[in-house]
N, C-alpha and C. Protein backbone atom coordinates (compact mmCIF):
# COMPACT_ATOMS: atom_id res chain seq x y z
N MET A 1 6.89 -52.09 2.57
CA MET A 1 6.78 -51.14 0.90
C MET A 1 5.62 -51.57 0.36
N SER A 2 4.81 -50.54 -0.31
CA SER A 2 3.94 -50.46 -0.31
C SER A 2 3.71 -50.25 -1.60
N ASP A 3 2.51 -51.01 -2.85
CA ASP A 3 2.88 -50.46 -4.30
C ASP A 3 1.31 -49.30 -4.06
N SER A 4 2.47 -48.09 -5.21
CA SER A 4 2.05 -47.12 -5.70
C SER A 4 0.80 -47.19 -6.65
N THR A 5 0.71 -48.52 -7.77
CA THR A 5 -0.04 -48.56 -9.31
C THR A 5 -1.03 -48.61 -8.41
N GLY A 6 -1.53 -49.41 -7.27
CA GLY A 6 -2.81 -49.93 -7.26
C GLY A 6 -3.49 -51.36 -8.06
N THR A 7 -4.49 -51.21 -8.18
CA THR A 7 -5.23 -52.48 -8.64
C THR A 7 -5.80 -52.36 -9.87
N PRO A 8 -5.45 -53.19 -10.92
CA PRO A 8 -6.06 -52.61 -12.80
C PRO A 8 -7.27 -52.29 -12.37
N ALA A 9 -8.30 -53.04 -11.44
CA ALA A 9 -9.98 -52.47 -11.00
C ALA A 9 -10.04 -50.97 -10.80
N THR A 10 -9.01 -50.75 -9.40
CA THR A 10 -8.77 -49.23 -9.04
C THR A 10 -8.48 -48.68 -10.20
N THR A 11 -7.46 -48.51 -10.89
CA THR A 11 -7.01 -47.49 -11.79
C THR A 11 -8.29 -47.89 -13.21
N ASN A 12 -8.81 -48.54 -13.35
CA ASN A 12 -10.11 -48.57 -14.39
C ASN A 12 -10.75 -47.78 -14.21
N ARG A 13 -11.33 -47.73 -12.73
CA ARG A 13 -12.57 -47.11 -11.69
C ARG A 13 -12.13 -45.96 -11.92
N THR A 14 -11.13 -45.59 -11.80
CA THR A 14 -10.60 -43.62 -11.86
C THR A 14 -10.70 -43.37 -13.01
N LEU A 15 -10.40 -44.31 -14.31
CA LEU A 15 -10.18 -43.75 -15.42
C LEU A 15 -11.66 -43.37 -16.21
N LEU A 16 -11.98 -44.76 -15.80
CA LEU A 16 -13.59 -44.26 -16.17
C LEU A 16 -14.41 -43.04 -15.16
N ILE A 17 -14.30 -42.83 -14.38
CA ILE A 17 -14.62 -41.46 -13.32
C ILE A 17 -14.01 -40.40 -13.96
N LEU A 18 -12.87 -40.57 -14.49
CA LEU A 18 -12.51 -39.28 -15.01
C LEU A 18 -12.71 -39.13 -15.92
N LEU A 19 -13.15 -39.80 -17.47
CA LEU A 19 -13.64 -39.52 -18.35
C LEU A 19 -15.37 -39.23 -18.48
N GLY A 20 -15.91 -39.75 -17.50
CA GLY A 20 -17.42 -39.75 -17.49
C GLY A 20 -17.26 -38.08 -16.98
N ALA A 21 -16.36 -37.34 -16.03
CA ALA A 21 -16.42 -36.18 -15.82
C ALA A 21 -16.02 -35.13 -17.04
N ILE A 22 -15.28 -35.66 -17.65
CA ILE A 22 -15.12 -34.89 -18.87
C ILE A 22 -16.27 -34.71 -19.80
N VAL A 23 -16.56 -35.98 -19.80
CA VAL A 23 -18.01 -35.76 -20.96
C VAL A 23 -19.21 -34.74 -20.51
N VAL A 24 -19.09 -34.75 -19.26
CA VAL A 24 -20.36 -34.28 -18.64
C VAL A 24 -19.65 -32.53 -18.77
N LEU A 25 -18.25 -32.22 -18.53
CA LEU A 25 -17.77 -31.05 -18.90
C LEU A 25 -18.31 -30.75 -20.33
N LEU A 26 -17.83 -31.25 -21.14
CA LEU A 26 -18.23 -31.25 -22.62
C LEU A 26 -19.64 -31.14 -22.93
N LEU A 27 -20.69 -31.61 -22.58
CA LEU A 27 -22.02 -31.89 -22.54
C LEU A 27 -22.33 -29.92 -22.46
N ALA A 28 -21.81 -29.99 -20.89
CA ALA A 28 -22.36 -28.74 -20.20
C ALA A 28 -21.85 -27.23 -21.22
N ILE A 29 -20.54 -27.53 -21.66
CA ILE A 29 -20.20 -26.47 -22.91
C ILE A 29 -20.53 -26.59 -23.72
N VAL A 30 -21.41 -27.66 -24.60
CA VAL A 30 -22.18 -27.70 -25.38
C VAL A 30 -23.35 -27.33 -25.40
N VAL A 31 -23.75 -27.05 -24.28
CA VAL A 31 -25.74 -26.70 -24.27
C VAL A 31 -25.27 -25.05 -23.92
N ILE A 32 -24.36 -24.85 -22.66
CA ILE A 32 -23.96 -23.33 -22.95
C ILE A 32 -24.03 -22.50 -24.26
N PHE A 33 -22.94 -23.43 -25.53
CA PHE A 33 -22.93 -22.18 -26.65
C PHE A 33 -24.30 -22.13 -27.17
N LEU A 34 -24.98 -23.63 -27.17
CA LEU A 34 -26.44 -23.87 -27.94
C LEU A 34 -27.41 -23.07 -27.36
N VAL A 35 -27.98 -22.85 -26.07
CA VAL A 35 -28.70 -21.76 -25.47
C VAL A 35 -28.09 -20.06 -25.49
N ARG A 36 -26.84 -19.90 -25.65
CA ARG A 36 -26.64 -18.54 -25.83
C ARG A 36 -26.49 -18.41 -27.30
N GLY A 37 -26.45 -19.33 -28.37
CA GLY A 37 -26.54 -19.20 -29.77
C GLY A 37 -28.00 -18.61 -30.11
N ASN A 38 -28.45 -19.46 -29.73
CA ASN A 38 -30.01 -19.33 -29.64
C ASN A 38 -30.55 -17.75 -29.25
N ALA A 39 -29.97 -17.29 -28.08
CA ALA A 39 -30.57 -16.22 -27.63
C ALA A 39 -30.25 -15.11 -28.03
N ASP A 40 -28.79 -15.05 -28.99
CA ASP A 40 -28.31 -13.94 -29.71
C ASP A 40 -28.04 -14.41 -30.93
N SER A 41 -28.43 -15.12 -31.64
CA SER A 41 -27.84 -15.63 -32.71
C SER A 41 -28.15 -14.54 -33.45
N GLY A 42 -27.08 -13.99 -34.64
CA GLY A 42 -27.29 -13.12 -35.67
C GLY A 42 -27.38 -13.79 -36.94
N SER A 43 -27.03 -15.41 -37.10
CA SER A 43 -26.98 -15.57 -37.83
C SER A 43 -28.16 -16.54 -38.75
N THR A 44 -29.27 -16.27 -37.80
CA THR A 44 -30.04 -17.05 -38.66
C THR A 44 -30.52 -16.70 -40.06
N VAL A 45 -30.55 -17.51 -40.95
CA VAL A 45 -30.92 -17.35 -42.16
C VAL A 45 -32.76 -17.57 -42.49
N THR A 46 -33.11 -16.51 -42.64
CA THR A 46 -34.64 -16.40 -42.75
C THR A 46 -35.14 -16.08 -44.00
N ALA A 47 -36.05 -16.77 -44.80
CA ALA A 47 -36.42 -16.60 -45.89
C ALA A 47 -37.29 -14.95 -46.38
N PRO A 48 -36.97 -14.80 -47.21
CA PRO A 48 -38.17 -13.23 -47.56
C PRO A 48 -39.45 -13.35 -46.91
N THR A 49 -39.86 -12.30 -46.44
CA THR A 49 -41.21 -12.10 -46.43
C THR A 49 -42.40 -11.06 -46.88
N ASP A 50 -42.92 -11.34 -46.39
CA ASP A 50 -43.98 -10.21 -47.58
C ASP A 50 -43.85 -8.77 -46.84
N ALA A 51 -43.75 -7.72 -47.18
CA ALA A 51 -43.32 -6.41 -46.84
C ALA A 51 -44.54 -6.20 -45.67
N ALA A 52 -46.06 -6.37 -46.40
CA ALA A 52 -46.64 -5.74 -45.40
C ALA A 52 -46.45 -5.89 -43.82
N ALA A 53 -45.80 -7.08 -43.56
CA ALA A 53 -45.78 -7.51 -42.35
C ALA A 53 -44.55 -7.12 -41.57
N THR A 54 -44.18 -5.94 -41.92
CA THR A 54 -42.97 -5.79 -41.13
C THR A 54 -43.28 -3.93 -40.68
N ALA A 55 -42.85 -3.21 -40.23
CA ALA A 55 -42.13 -1.90 -39.72
C ALA A 55 -41.14 -1.75 -39.15
N GLY A 56 -40.84 -0.39 -39.85
CA GLY A 56 -39.41 0.08 -39.79
C GLY A 56 -38.38 -0.66 -40.00
N ALA A 57 -38.53 -1.94 -40.71
CA ALA A 57 -37.75 -2.85 -41.80
C ALA A 57 -37.60 -2.75 -43.13
N PRO A 58 -36.72 -3.09 -43.84
CA PRO A 58 -37.12 -2.70 -44.98
C PRO A 58 -38.17 -4.29 -45.97
N SER A 59 -38.86 -3.41 -47.04
CA SER A 59 -40.06 -4.84 -47.79
C SER A 59 -39.13 -6.14 -47.55
N GLY A 60 -40.15 -6.29 -47.11
CA GLY A 60 -40.06 -8.10 -47.12
C GLY A 60 -38.71 -8.43 -46.08
N MET A 61 -38.42 -7.66 -45.39
CA MET A 61 -37.63 -8.02 -44.01
C MET A 61 -38.49 -8.63 -42.73
N PRO A 62 -37.76 -9.21 -41.95
CA PRO A 62 -38.60 -9.77 -40.99
C PRO A 62 -38.39 -8.90 -40.24
N GLY A 63 -39.48 -8.71 -38.93
CA GLY A 63 -39.76 -7.59 -37.82
C GLY A 63 -40.96 -7.44 -37.58
N ALA A 64 -41.19 -6.30 -37.17
CA ALA A 64 -42.25 -6.59 -36.18
C ALA A 64 -43.81 -5.67 -37.67
N THR A 65 -44.90 -5.85 -36.86
CA THR A 65 -45.84 -5.79 -38.52
C THR A 65 -46.05 -4.36 -38.74
N ALA A 66 -46.38 -4.16 -39.76
CA ALA A 66 -46.22 -2.26 -40.51
C ALA A 66 -47.97 -2.66 -40.34
N PRO A 67 -48.72 -1.60 -39.93
CA PRO A 67 -50.25 -1.30 -40.01
C PRO A 67 -50.67 -1.54 -41.96
N ALA A 68 -51.77 -2.38 -41.88
CA ALA A 68 -52.05 -3.27 -43.02
C ALA A 68 -52.45 -1.87 -44.07
N VAL A 69 -52.23 -1.64 -45.29
CA VAL A 69 -52.64 -0.74 -46.39
C VAL A 69 -53.82 -1.95 -46.78
N GLU A 70 -54.81 -1.40 -47.11
CA GLU A 70 -55.93 -2.07 -47.86
C GLU A 70 -55.91 -1.83 -49.02
N PHE A 71 -56.24 -2.95 -50.03
CA PHE A 71 -56.72 -2.32 -51.32
C PHE A 71 -57.25 -1.11 -52.12
N ASP A 72 -57.13 -0.40 -52.78
CA ASP A 72 -57.71 0.34 -52.75
C ASP A 72 -57.33 1.43 -54.73
N PRO A 73 -58.70 0.46 -55.21
CA PRO A 73 -58.09 0.89 -57.02
C PRO A 73 -57.54 2.06 -57.30
N ALA A 74 -58.42 3.13 -56.24
CA ALA A 74 -57.92 4.72 -56.85
C ALA A 74 -56.48 4.97 -56.42
N THR A 75 -56.09 4.12 -55.61
CA THR A 75 -54.16 4.63 -55.33
C THR A 75 -53.45 3.24 -55.37
N ALA A 76 -54.33 2.08 -56.39
CA ALA A 76 -53.27 0.80 -56.73
C ALA A 76 -52.41 1.02 -57.95
N THR A 77 -51.42 0.68 -58.10
CA THR A 77 -50.62 0.58 -58.93
C THR A 77 -51.04 0.40 -60.16
N ALA A 78 -50.93 1.31 -61.12
CA ALA A 78 -51.41 0.19 -62.37
C ALA A 78 -50.46 -0.21 -63.25
N VAL A 79 -50.98 -1.39 -64.20
CA VAL A 79 -49.98 -1.69 -64.87
C VAL A 79 -49.99 -0.72 -66.08
N PRO A 80 -49.17 -0.49 -67.08
CA PRO A 80 -48.89 0.38 -68.30
C PRO A 80 -50.06 -0.46 -69.41
N ALA A 81 -50.44 0.81 -69.90
CA ALA A 81 -51.56 0.43 -70.96
C ALA A 81 -50.58 -0.63 -71.97
N GLY A 82 -51.95 -1.41 -72.17
CA GLY A 82 -51.42 -2.56 -73.22
C GLY A 82 -50.68 -3.64 -73.04
N GLU A 83 -49.90 -3.93 -71.64
CA GLU A 83 -49.23 -4.73 -70.76
C GLU A 83 -50.01 -5.54 -70.20
N THR A 84 -49.61 -7.11 -70.46
CA THR A 84 -50.46 -8.08 -69.53
C THR A 84 -49.57 -8.33 -68.07
N PRO A 85 -50.71 -8.84 -67.42
CA PRO A 85 -50.02 -9.00 -65.89
C PRO A 85 -48.29 -10.01 -65.96
N GLU A 86 -48.57 -11.05 -66.65
CA GLU A 86 -47.30 -11.76 -66.94
C GLU A 86 -46.40 -11.14 -67.41
N ALA A 87 -46.69 -9.94 -68.62
CA ALA A 87 -45.76 -9.40 -68.68
C ALA A 87 -45.24 -7.90 -67.36
N TYR A 88 -45.73 -7.99 -66.80
CA TYR A 88 -45.56 -7.06 -66.09
C TYR A 88 -44.49 -7.35 -64.59
N VAL A 89 -45.14 -8.73 -64.53
CA VAL A 89 -44.07 -9.01 -63.45
C VAL A 89 -42.47 -9.79 -64.33
N VAL A 90 -42.62 -10.38 -65.91
CA VAL A 90 -41.76 -10.54 -66.36
C VAL A 90 -40.82 -8.96 -66.36
N ALA A 91 -41.22 -8.21 -66.22
CA ALA A 91 -40.70 -6.89 -66.64
C ALA A 91 -39.81 -6.66 -64.83
N TYR A 92 -40.70 -6.95 -63.65
CA TYR A 92 -40.63 -6.45 -62.39
C TYR A 92 -39.26 -7.50 -62.06
N PHE A 93 -38.84 -8.39 -62.73
CA PHE A 93 -38.08 -9.48 -62.34
C PHE A 93 -37.04 -9.36 -63.53
N ASP A 94 -37.00 -8.82 -64.66
CA ASP A 94 -35.51 -8.87 -64.97
C ASP A 94 -35.19 -7.34 -64.65
N ALA A 95 -36.11 -6.67 -63.97
CA ALA A 95 -34.97 -5.22 -63.48
C ALA A 95 -34.41 -5.73 -62.03
N ILE A 96 -35.18 -6.73 -61.45
CA ILE A 96 -34.24 -7.19 -60.53
C ILE A 96 -32.96 -8.09 -60.43
N VAL A 97 -33.13 -8.96 -61.54
CA VAL A 97 -31.80 -9.25 -61.70
C VAL A 97 -30.86 -8.45 -62.63
N ALA A 98 -31.32 -7.51 -63.11
CA ALA A 98 -30.09 -6.40 -63.70
C ALA A 98 -29.39 -5.26 -62.85
N GLY A 99 -30.80 -5.59 -61.60
CA GLY A 99 -29.83 -4.34 -60.49
C GLY A 99 -30.67 -3.15 -60.59
N ASP A 100 -32.00 -3.43 -61.72
CA ASP A 100 -32.67 -1.84 -61.49
C ASP A 100 -33.47 -1.74 -60.49
N TYR A 101 -33.05 -1.44 -58.96
CA TYR A 101 -33.93 -1.64 -57.92
C TYR A 101 -35.77 -0.55 -57.97
N ALA A 102 -34.95 0.48 -58.49
CA ALA A 102 -35.93 2.00 -59.05
C ALA A 102 -36.63 1.37 -60.03
N THR A 103 -36.89 0.80 -60.72
CA THR A 103 -37.91 0.32 -61.29
C THR A 103 -38.99 -1.03 -61.11
N ALA A 104 -38.05 -1.63 -60.69
CA ALA A 104 -38.55 -2.97 -59.59
C ALA A 104 -39.41 -2.07 -58.58
N TYR A 105 -38.75 -1.40 -57.90
CA TYR A 105 -40.18 -0.75 -56.55
C TYR A 105 -41.29 -0.07 -57.53
N ASP A 106 -41.00 0.92 -58.70
CA ASP A 106 -42.13 1.45 -58.65
C ASP A 106 -43.35 0.54 -59.38
N ARG A 107 -42.85 -1.12 -59.38
CA ARG A 107 -43.77 -2.18 -60.03
C ARG A 107 -44.57 -2.42 -58.80
N LEU A 108 -43.80 -2.49 -57.37
CA LEU A 108 -44.62 -3.20 -56.56
C LEU A 108 -46.16 -2.55 -56.00
N PRO A 109 -46.76 -3.55 -55.37
CA PRO A 109 -48.31 -2.84 -54.74
C PRO A 109 -47.88 -1.72 -54.08
N THR A 110 -48.96 -1.21 -53.84
CA THR A 110 -49.16 -0.18 -53.13
C THR A 110 -48.42 0.02 -51.34
N ASP A 111 -49.45 -1.72 -50.74
CA ASP A 111 -48.87 -1.84 -49.72
C ASP A 111 -47.06 -1.96 -49.38
N LYS A 112 -46.99 -2.58 -50.53
CA LYS A 112 -45.30 -2.42 -50.26
C LYS A 112 -44.64 -1.67 -50.32
N LYS A 113 -45.18 -0.06 -51.32
CA LYS A 113 -44.38 0.45 -51.19
C LYS A 113 -44.26 1.42 -49.69
N ALA A 114 -45.41 1.10 -49.41
CA ALA A 114 -45.63 1.89 -47.77
C ALA A 114 -44.73 1.40 -47.13
N ALA A 115 -44.87 -0.32 -47.16
CA ALA A 115 -43.60 -0.92 -46.31
C ALA A 115 -42.09 0.05 -46.07
N SER A 116 -41.87 0.21 -47.03
CA SER A 116 -40.35 0.65 -47.21
C SER A 116 -40.41 1.31 -48.12
N THR A 117 -39.05 2.28 -48.07
CA THR A 117 -38.06 3.83 -48.88
C THR A 117 -38.08 2.68 -49.97
N GLU A 118 -37.70 2.66 -51.18
CA GLU A 118 -36.87 2.38 -51.94
C GLU A 118 -35.05 2.00 -52.20
N GLN A 119 -35.20 3.24 -51.04
CA GLN A 119 -33.40 2.43 -50.73
C GLN A 119 -33.50 1.41 -50.00
N GLN A 120 -34.74 1.25 -49.11
CA GLN A 120 -34.57 -0.09 -48.33
C GLN A 120 -34.88 -1.10 -48.89
N PHE A 121 -35.68 -1.01 -50.17
CA PHE A 121 -35.96 -1.93 -50.70
C PHE A 121 -34.63 -2.31 -51.58
N ALA A 122 -33.99 -1.26 -52.28
CA ALA A 122 -32.58 -1.83 -52.88
C ALA A 122 -31.50 -2.72 -52.22
N ASP A 123 -31.44 -1.79 -50.88
CA ASP A 123 -30.57 -2.60 -49.97
C ASP A 123 -31.04 -4.17 -49.89
N GLN A 124 -32.20 -4.15 -49.31
CA GLN A 124 -32.71 -5.95 -49.34
C GLN A 124 -32.25 -6.37 -50.25
N LEU A 125 -32.77 -6.18 -51.47
CA LEU A 125 -32.51 -6.85 -52.94
C LEU A 125 -31.18 -7.19 -53.05
N THR A 126 -30.60 -6.34 -52.96
CA THR A 126 -29.00 -6.06 -53.01
C THR A 126 -28.34 -7.81 -52.33
N GLY A 127 -28.67 -7.88 -51.02
CA GLY A 127 -28.84 -8.85 -50.10
C GLY A 127 -29.21 -10.29 -50.66
N TYR A 128 -30.11 -9.92 -51.41
CA TYR A 128 -30.87 -11.46 -51.55
C TYR A 128 -30.16 -12.16 -52.94
N GLY A 129 -29.28 -11.09 -53.64
CA GLY A 129 -28.75 -11.21 -54.57
C GLY A 129 -29.30 -12.48 -55.90
N VAL A 130 -30.62 -11.76 -56.25
CA VAL A 130 -31.60 -12.71 -57.32
C VAL A 130 -30.86 -12.75 -58.38
N THR A 131 -30.28 -14.05 -58.78
CA THR A 131 -29.95 -14.24 -60.04
C THR A 131 -30.92 -15.07 -60.81
N GLU A 132 -31.48 -15.35 -60.80
CA GLU A 132 -32.76 -15.59 -61.81
C GLU A 132 -33.93 -16.02 -61.55
N TYR A 133 -34.98 -16.38 -62.53
CA TYR A 133 -36.93 -16.53 -62.03
C TYR A 133 -37.05 -16.94 -63.23
N THR A 134 -38.26 -17.52 -62.68
CA THR A 134 -39.06 -18.65 -63.82
C THR A 134 -40.69 -18.03 -63.45
N ILE A 135 -41.25 -17.88 -64.48
CA ILE A 135 -42.85 -18.15 -64.37
C ILE A 135 -43.59 -19.02 -64.37
N ASP A 136 -44.00 -19.45 -63.60
CA ASP A 136 -44.53 -20.78 -63.44
C ASP A 136 -45.89 -21.15 -63.71
N ASP A 137 -46.90 -20.09 -63.26
CA ASP A 137 -47.95 -20.20 -63.61
C ASP A 137 -48.75 -18.73 -64.02
N VAL A 138 -49.80 -18.78 -64.71
CA VAL A 138 -50.85 -17.63 -65.32
C VAL A 138 -51.77 -17.90 -65.34
N THR A 139 -52.89 -17.36 -64.12
CA THR A 139 -54.09 -17.67 -64.42
C THR A 139 -55.09 -16.15 -64.32
N GLU A 140 -56.07 -16.06 -65.50
CA GLU A 140 -56.99 -15.20 -65.23
C GLU A 140 -58.64 -15.55 -65.55
N ALA A 141 -59.06 -15.06 -64.47
CA ALA A 141 -60.77 -15.79 -64.11
C ALA A 141 -61.79 -14.16 -63.49
N ASP A 142 -62.67 -14.10 -63.56
CA ASP A 142 -63.49 -13.18 -63.27
C ASP A 142 -63.16 -11.90 -62.94
N GLY A 143 -62.40 -11.19 -63.68
CA GLY A 143 -61.94 -10.12 -63.90
C GLY A 143 -60.61 -10.11 -62.79
N GLU A 144 -59.68 -11.04 -62.71
CA GLU A 144 -58.77 -10.73 -61.58
C GLU A 144 -57.90 -12.06 -62.41
N ALA A 145 -56.48 -11.79 -62.62
CA ALA A 145 -55.35 -12.59 -62.83
C ALA A 145 -54.49 -12.79 -61.99
N GLN A 146 -53.63 -13.85 -61.86
CA GLN A 146 -52.74 -14.19 -61.03
C GLN A 146 -51.31 -14.66 -61.84
N VAL A 147 -50.13 -14.29 -61.16
CA VAL A 147 -49.05 -14.92 -61.57
C VAL A 147 -48.15 -15.22 -60.73
N LEU A 148 -47.76 -16.66 -60.98
CA LEU A 148 -46.78 -17.47 -59.73
C LEU A 148 -45.41 -17.10 -60.42
N ALA A 149 -44.98 -16.74 -59.98
CA ALA A 149 -42.83 -16.88 -60.15
C ALA A 149 -42.23 -17.61 -59.24
N THR A 150 -41.27 -17.61 -59.61
CA THR A 150 -40.20 -18.65 -58.43
C THR A 150 -38.84 -17.66 -59.10
N ALA A 151 -38.30 -16.98 -57.87
CA ALA A 151 -37.14 -16.26 -57.98
C ALA A 151 -35.83 -16.98 -56.88
N SER A 152 -35.12 -17.19 -58.36
CA SER A 152 -33.84 -18.40 -57.00
C SER A 152 -32.52 -17.17 -56.71
N MET A 153 -31.97 -17.21 -55.54
CA MET A 153 -31.30 -16.29 -54.99
C MET A 153 -30.61 -17.26 -54.00
N ALA A 154 -29.36 -16.98 -53.38
CA ALA A 154 -28.11 -17.64 -52.74
C ALA A 154 -29.36 -18.33 -51.44
N GLY A 155 -30.42 -17.51 -50.92
CA GLY A 155 -30.72 -18.29 -49.92
C GLY A 155 -31.97 -19.29 -50.35
N GLY A 156 -31.58 -19.36 -51.49
CA GLY A 156 -32.85 -21.01 -52.05
C GLY A 156 -33.87 -20.36 -53.18
N GLN A 157 -34.60 -20.72 -53.30
CA GLN A 157 -35.82 -20.17 -54.03
C GLN A 157 -37.15 -20.00 -53.64
N PHE A 158 -37.66 -18.75 -54.03
CA PHE A 158 -38.88 -18.39 -53.36
C PHE A 158 -40.22 -18.13 -54.14
N GLN A 159 -41.07 -18.26 -53.69
CA GLN A 159 -42.31 -18.16 -54.93
C GLN A 159 -42.75 -17.01 -54.49
N TYR A 160 -43.70 -15.97 -55.36
CA TYR A 160 -44.48 -15.10 -55.06
C TYR A 160 -45.22 -15.10 -55.84
N LEU A 161 -46.71 -14.71 -55.62
CA LEU A 161 -47.85 -14.89 -56.36
C LEU A 161 -48.24 -13.36 -56.05
N TRP A 162 -48.25 -13.38 -57.35
CA TRP A 162 -49.11 -11.68 -58.03
C TRP A 162 -50.34 -11.65 -58.42
N THR A 163 -51.17 -10.70 -57.94
CA THR A 163 -52.65 -10.85 -57.77
C THR A 163 -52.87 -9.66 -58.57
N PHE A 164 -53.54 -9.32 -59.56
CA PHE A 164 -54.01 -7.99 -60.59
C PHE A 164 -55.45 -8.20 -60.58
N VAL A 165 -56.29 -6.90 -60.59
CA VAL A 165 -57.86 -6.93 -60.96
C VAL A 165 -58.06 -6.10 -62.41
N ALA A 166 -59.09 -6.55 -62.58
CA ALA A 166 -58.84 -5.58 -64.05
C ALA A 166 -59.73 -4.32 -64.05
N GLU A 167 -59.20 -3.27 -64.55
CA GLU A 167 -59.60 -2.16 -63.98
C GLU A 167 -60.02 -1.52 -65.73
N GLY A 168 -61.06 -1.43 -65.77
CA GLY A 168 -61.71 -0.67 -67.44
C GLY A 168 -60.85 -2.00 -68.44
N ASP A 169 -59.79 -1.32 -69.52
CA ASP A 169 -59.10 -1.88 -70.26
C ASP A 169 -57.90 -2.43 -69.88
N GLY A 170 -57.05 -1.92 -68.53
CA GLY A 170 -55.92 -2.66 -67.90
C GLY A 170 -56.54 -3.06 -66.66
N TRP A 171 -55.28 -2.93 -65.91
CA TRP A 171 -54.77 -4.26 -64.84
C TRP A 171 -54.60 -3.21 -63.87
N LEU A 172 -54.54 -3.32 -62.10
CA LEU A 172 -54.29 -2.80 -61.19
C LEU A 172 -53.24 -3.72 -60.65
N VAL A 173 -52.35 -3.57 -60.13
CA VAL A 173 -51.82 -4.72 -59.18
C VAL A 173 -52.66 -4.43 -57.58
N LYS A 174 -52.72 -5.74 -57.34
CA LYS A 174 -53.90 -5.87 -56.17
C LYS A 174 -52.40 -6.25 -55.27
N SER A 175 -52.10 -7.33 -55.32
CA SER A 175 -50.96 -7.95 -54.08
C SER A 175 -49.85 -8.43 -54.87
N ARG A 176 -48.81 -8.53 -54.03
CA ARG A 176 -47.49 -9.86 -53.89
C ARG A 176 -47.54 -10.49 -53.04
N THR A 177 -47.34 -11.63 -52.63
CA THR A 177 -47.31 -12.57 -51.65
C THR A 177 -46.45 -13.35 -51.56
N LEU A 178 -45.95 -14.37 -50.92
CA LEU A 178 -45.25 -15.56 -50.85
C LEU A 178 -45.88 -16.52 -50.00
N PRO A 179 -46.81 -17.00 -51.15
CA PRO A 179 -47.22 -18.41 -50.34
C PRO A 179 -47.31 -19.20 -49.64
N GLY A 180 -45.54 -19.62 -50.01
CA GLY A 180 -45.42 -20.48 -49.48
C GLY A 180 -44.89 -20.12 -47.50
N MET A 181 -44.94 -18.91 -47.10
CA MET A 181 -44.51 -18.73 -46.32
C MET A 181 -45.73 -18.33 -45.26
N GLY A 182 -46.78 -19.02 -45.49
CA GLY A 182 -48.05 -18.59 -45.25
C GLY A 182 -48.64 -17.00 -45.13
N GLN A 183 -48.29 -16.68 -46.20
CA GLN A 183 -48.85 -15.35 -46.54
C GLN A 183 -49.40 -15.27 -47.70
């Protein structure tokens, strides 16, 4: 009669081979999910980007580049008479936090308005869910003012740098960029 249980060394080797095969299969499955997930992932979290860098996408959405709109004082967004650049940015973010996207859109620089419609802008900002903001720094020199502000939203905190140029007794909105995003 023969013993069908095998020797302990044979049993251990067979068990190790089976465990090795299972590990290799699991690794293959993980690699497939990672590769497939990176190829068609729709859940990647991206930070808001500058609207001038998008085409066919709402202001600030990642996408193809839009034609650049150069700053032109003749068509630039004007700061209301008697309002400082800092007060202008405060009013912009107050409108965002309150959900008054029409008012916020009107305060955007010309290039941002050219990159999206008011509805696209509103849809995007609704998705961001800005809950608060801070004014971090205000500088003024040589006919230019800069206001650095940080917006807090579900995706984190993002800094916006607003640049204004003096025009007569008032100011024009030159740009709004995201300096932390390489813009």
